[in-house]
Amino acid sequence: MRTRHGQTLSCNPWVQDPRLGLKRRLLDILACPIDKHYPLELHVFEEKEEITEGLLVCTECNRWYPISDEIPQMLPDDLREAKEDLEWLGKWKERVPVRVLNDGKPFRLKS
């Protein structure tokens, strides 16, 4: 936390301005919540001013994190919902790398 003019500022850009979507320049601060590896591999499916739909992949542990409605969903495995993640993965399966579909963590589409 930093302070400026008597106000406490967070280093997290989403806390500073919750309207801020996922911009490419913010990728430098994102790391895998499991093994802390960065940078994450980015796959953009839809982009306007911000990345609206896409995928972040940790190349160390092969975990994947969806970007949905401009928000990266970077939860640890035990807080993720298999049904929701698998539905999202199925929706974008034509754009998701094969290694994520077959071997991604914590969920993968069954062949």
C-alpha atoms as a PDB file:
ATOM      1  CA  MET A   1       0.000   0.000   0.000  1.00  0.00           C
ATOM      2  CA  ARG A   2       1.171   3.512  -0.770  1.00  0.00           C
ATOM      3  CA  THR A   3      -0.125   6.872   0.287  1.00  0.00           C
ATOM      4  CA  ARG A   4      -0.653  10.029  -1.721  1.00  0.00           C
ATOM      5  CA  HIS A   5      -2.125  13.253  -0.369  1.00  0.00           C
ATOM      6  CA  GLY A   6      -3.253  11.419   2.756  1.00  0.00           C
ATOM      7  CA  GLN A   7      -5.067   8.677   0.794  1.00  0.00           C
ATOM      8  CA  THR A   8      -4.095   5.023   0.881  1.00  0.00           C
ATOM      9  CA  LEU A   9      -3.492   3.582  -2.568  1.00  0.00           C
ATOM     10  CA  SER A  10      -3.369  -0.087  -3.412  1.00  0.00           C
ATOM     11  CA  CYS A  11      -0.769  -1.474  -5.796  1.00  0.00           C
ATOM     12  CA  ASN A  12      -3.540  -3.604  -7.289  1.00  0.00           C
ATOM     13  CA  PRO A  13      -4.915  -1.657 -10.298  1.00  0.00           C
ATOM     14  CA  TRP A  14      -8.384  -3.213  -9.934  1.00  0.00           C
ATOM     15  CA  VAL A  15      -8.635  -1.852  -6.394  1.00  0.00           C
ATOM     16  CA  GLN A  16      -7.587   1.631  -7.541  1.00  0.00           C
ATOM     17  CA  ASP A  17     -10.197   1.673 -10.298  1.00  0.00           C
ATOM     18  CA  PRO A  18     -12.637  -1.278 -10.350  1.00  0.00           C
ATOM     19  CA  ARG A  19     -13.881  -0.160 -13.784  1.00  0.00           C
ATOM     20  CA  LEU A  20     -10.477  -0.955 -15.227  1.00  0.00           C
ATOM     21  CA  GLY A  21     -10.703  -3.972 -17.510  1.00  0.00           C
ATOM     22  CA  LEU A  22      -7.843  -6.242 -18.492  1.00  0.00           C
ATOM     23  CA  LYS A  23      -5.425  -4.262 -20.602  1.00  0.00           C
ATOM     24  CA  ARG A  24      -2.358  -5.862 -22.126  1.00  0.00           C
ATOM     25  CA  ARG A  25      -0.045  -3.595 -20.116  1.00  0.00           C
ATOM     26  CA  LEU A  26      -1.419  -5.054 -16.861  1.00  0.00           C
ATOM     27  CA  LEU A  27      -0.286  -8.564 -17.745  1.00  0.00           C
ATOM     28  CA  ASP A  28       3.149  -7.810 -16.306  1.00  0.00           C
ATOM     29  CA  ILE A  29       1.719  -7.851 -12.784  1.00  0.00           C
ATOM     30  CA  LEU A  30      -0.221 -11.118 -13.097  1.00  0.00           C
ATOM     31  CA  ALA A  31       1.320 -14.344 -11.820  1.00  0.00           C
ATOM     32  CA  CYS A  32      -0.013 -17.853 -11.301  1.00  0.00           C
ATOM     33  CA  PRO A  33      -1.594 -18.003  -7.820  1.00  0.00           C
ATOM     34  CA  ILE A  34      -0.324 -21.575  -7.385  1.00  0.00           C
ATOM     35  CA  ASP A  35       3.379 -21.414  -8.314  1.00  0.00           C
ATOM     36  CA  LYS A  36       3.823 -17.617  -8.689  1.00  0.00           C
ATOM     37  CA  HIS A  37       5.250 -18.026 -12.224  1.00  0.00           C
ATOM     38  CA  TYR A  38       5.068 -15.080 -14.600  1.00  0.00           C
ATOM     39  CA  PRO A  39       4.610 -13.871 -17.214  1.00  0.00           C
ATOM     40  CA  LEU A  40       1.531 -15.855 -18.097  1.00  0.00           C
ATOM     41  CA  GLU A  41       0.800 -16.859 -21.675  1.00  0.00           C
ATOM     42  CA  LEU A  42      -2.086 -14.853 -23.120  1.00  0.00           C
ATOM     43  CA  HIS A  43      -4.649 -16.049 -25.673  1.00  0.00           C
ATOM     44  CA  VAL A  44      -7.098 -13.346 -26.731  1.00  0.00           C
ATOM     45  CA  PHE A  45     -10.506 -14.447 -28.025  1.00  0.00           C
ATOM     46  CA  GLU A  46     -12.282 -11.063 -28.038  1.00  0.00           C
ATOM     47  CA  GLU A  47     -10.813  -7.604 -27.604  1.00  0.00           C
ATOM     48  CA  LYS A  48     -12.268  -4.116 -27.677  1.00  0.00           C
ATOM     49  CA  GLU A  49     -10.549  -1.407 -25.632  1.00  0.00           C
ATOM     50  CA  GLU A  50      -9.744  -4.177 -23.157  1.00  0.00           C
ATOM     51  CA  ILE A  51      -9.415  -7.926 -23.495  1.00  0.00           C
ATOM     52  CA  THR A  52     -13.013  -9.037 -22.985  1.00  0.00           C
ATOM     53  CA  GLU A  53     -12.632 -12.803 -23.447  1.00  0.00           C
ATOM     54  CA  GLY A  54      -9.478 -14.865 -23.385  1.00  0.00           C
ATOM     55  CA  LEU A  55      -7.263 -17.260 -21.545  1.00  0.00           C
ATOM     56  CA  LEU A  56      -4.187 -16.994 -19.348  1.00  0.00           C
ATOM     57  CA  VAL A  57      -1.957 -20.075 -19.097  1.00  0.00           C
ATOM     58  CA  CYS A  58       0.850 -20.756 -16.654  1.00  0.00           C
ATOM     59  CA  THR A  59       3.575 -22.454 -18.698  1.00  0.00           C
ATOM     60  CA  GLU A  60       5.147 -23.919 -15.539  1.00  0.00           C
ATOM     61  CA  CYS A  61       2.203 -25.831 -14.043  1.00  0.00           C
ATOM     62  CA  ASN A  62      -0.166 -25.809 -17.070  1.00  0.00           C
ATOM     63  CA  ARG A  63      -2.993 -24.197 -15.102  1.00  0.00           C
ATOM     64  CA  TRP A  64      -5.369 -22.055 -17.096  1.00  0.00           C
ATOM     65  CA  TYR A  65      -7.415 -19.062 -16.049  1.00  0.00           C
ATOM     66  CA  PRO A  66     -10.329 -17.699 -18.074  1.00  0.00           C
ATOM     67  CA  ILE A  67     -10.759 -14.027 -18.844  1.00  0.00           C
ATOM     68  CA  SER A  68     -14.477 -13.369 -18.873  1.00  0.00           C
ATOM     69  CA  ASP A  69     -16.211 -10.003 -19.211  1.00  0.00           C
ATOM     70  CA  GLU A  70     -12.791  -8.286 -19.009  1.00  0.00           C
ATOM     71  CA  ILE A  71     -11.939  -9.939 -15.669  1.00  0.00           C
ATOM     72  CA  PRO A  72      -9.229 -12.579 -15.241  1.00  0.00           C
ATOM     73  CA  GLN A  73     -10.621 -15.340 -13.016  1.00  0.00           C
ATOM     74  CA  MET A  74      -7.441 -16.282 -11.163  1.00  0.00           C
ATOM     75  CA  LEU A  75      -8.666 -18.389  -8.281  1.00  0.00           C
ATOM     76  CA  PRO A  76      -6.766 -21.260  -6.662  1.00  0.00           C
ATOM     77  CA  ASP A  77      -8.002 -24.739  -7.578  1.00  0.00           C
ATOM     78  CA  ASP A  78     -10.064 -25.295  -4.426  1.00  0.00           C
ATOM     79  CA  LEU A  79     -12.140 -22.151  -5.081  1.00  0.00           C
ATOM     80  CA  ARG A  80     -12.903 -22.877  -8.723  1.00  0.00           C
ATOM     81  CA  GLU A  81     -16.203 -24.344  -9.900  1.00  0.00           C
ATOM     82  CA  ALA A  82     -15.677 -27.311 -12.228  1.00  0.00           C
ATOM     83  CA  LYS A  83     -19.068 -26.931 -13.924  1.00  0.00           C
ATOM     84  CA  GLU A  84     -18.560 -23.237 -14.738  1.00  0.00           C
ATOM     85  CA  ASP A  85     -14.955 -23.672 -15.870  1.00  0.00           C
ATOM     86  CA  LEU A  86     -15.791 -26.657 -18.078  1.00  0.00           C
ATOM     87  CA  GLU A  87     -18.714 -24.799 -19.659  1.00  0.00           C
ATOM     88  CA  TRP A  88     -16.411 -21.855 -20.399  1.00  0.00           C
ATOM     89  CA  LEU A  89     -13.741 -24.195 -21.796  1.00  0.00           C
ATOM     90  CA  GLY A  90     -16.334 -25.900 -24.003  1.00  0.00           C
ATOM     91  CA  LYS A  91     -17.579 -22.563 -25.320  1.00  0.00           C
ATOM     92  CA  TRP A  92     -14.083 -21.556 -26.468  1.00  0.00           C
ATOM     93  CA  LYS A  93     -12.624 -25.000 -27.283  1.00  0.00           C
ATOM     94  CA  GLU A  94     -11.923 -24.046 -30.909  1.00  0.00           C
ATOM     95  CA  ARG A  95      -9.618 -21.257 -29.691  1.00  0.00           C
ATOM     96  CA  VAL A  96      -8.065 -22.921 -26.626  1.00  0.00           C
ATOM     97  CA  PRO A  97      -4.627 -24.544 -27.115  1.00  0.00           C
ATOM     98  CA  VAL A  98      -4.814 -28.339 -27.436  1.00  0.00           C
ATOM     99  CA  ARG A  99      -2.444 -28.840 -24.475  1.00  0.00           C
ATOM    100  CA  VAL A 100      -4.922 -26.988 -22.228  1.00  0.00           C
ATOM    101  CA  LEU A 101      -7.882 -28.989 -23.519  1.00  0.00           C
ATOM    102  CA  ASN A 102      -6.057 -32.296 -22.984  1.00  0.00           C
ATOM    103  CA  ASP A 103      -3.736 -31.661 -20.031  1.00  0.00           C
ATOM    104  CA  GLY A 104      -4.735 -28.323 -18.448  1.00  0.00           C
ATOM    105  CA  LYS A 105      -5.233 -27.966 -14.724  1.00  0.00           C
ATOM    106  CA  PRO A 106      -7.373 -28.019 -12.708  1.00  0.00           C
ATOM    107  CA  PHE A 107      -9.946 -29.144 -15.324  1.00  0.00           C
ATOM    108  CA  ARG A 108      -9.767 -30.423 -18.886  1.00  0.00           C
ATOM    109  CA  LEU A 109     -12.265 -31.509 -21.473  1.00  0.00           C
ATOM    110  CA  LYS A 110     -12.600 -35.263 -21.743  1.00  0.00           C
ATOM    111  CA  SER A 111     -11.922 -36.676 -25.210  1.00  0.00           C
END
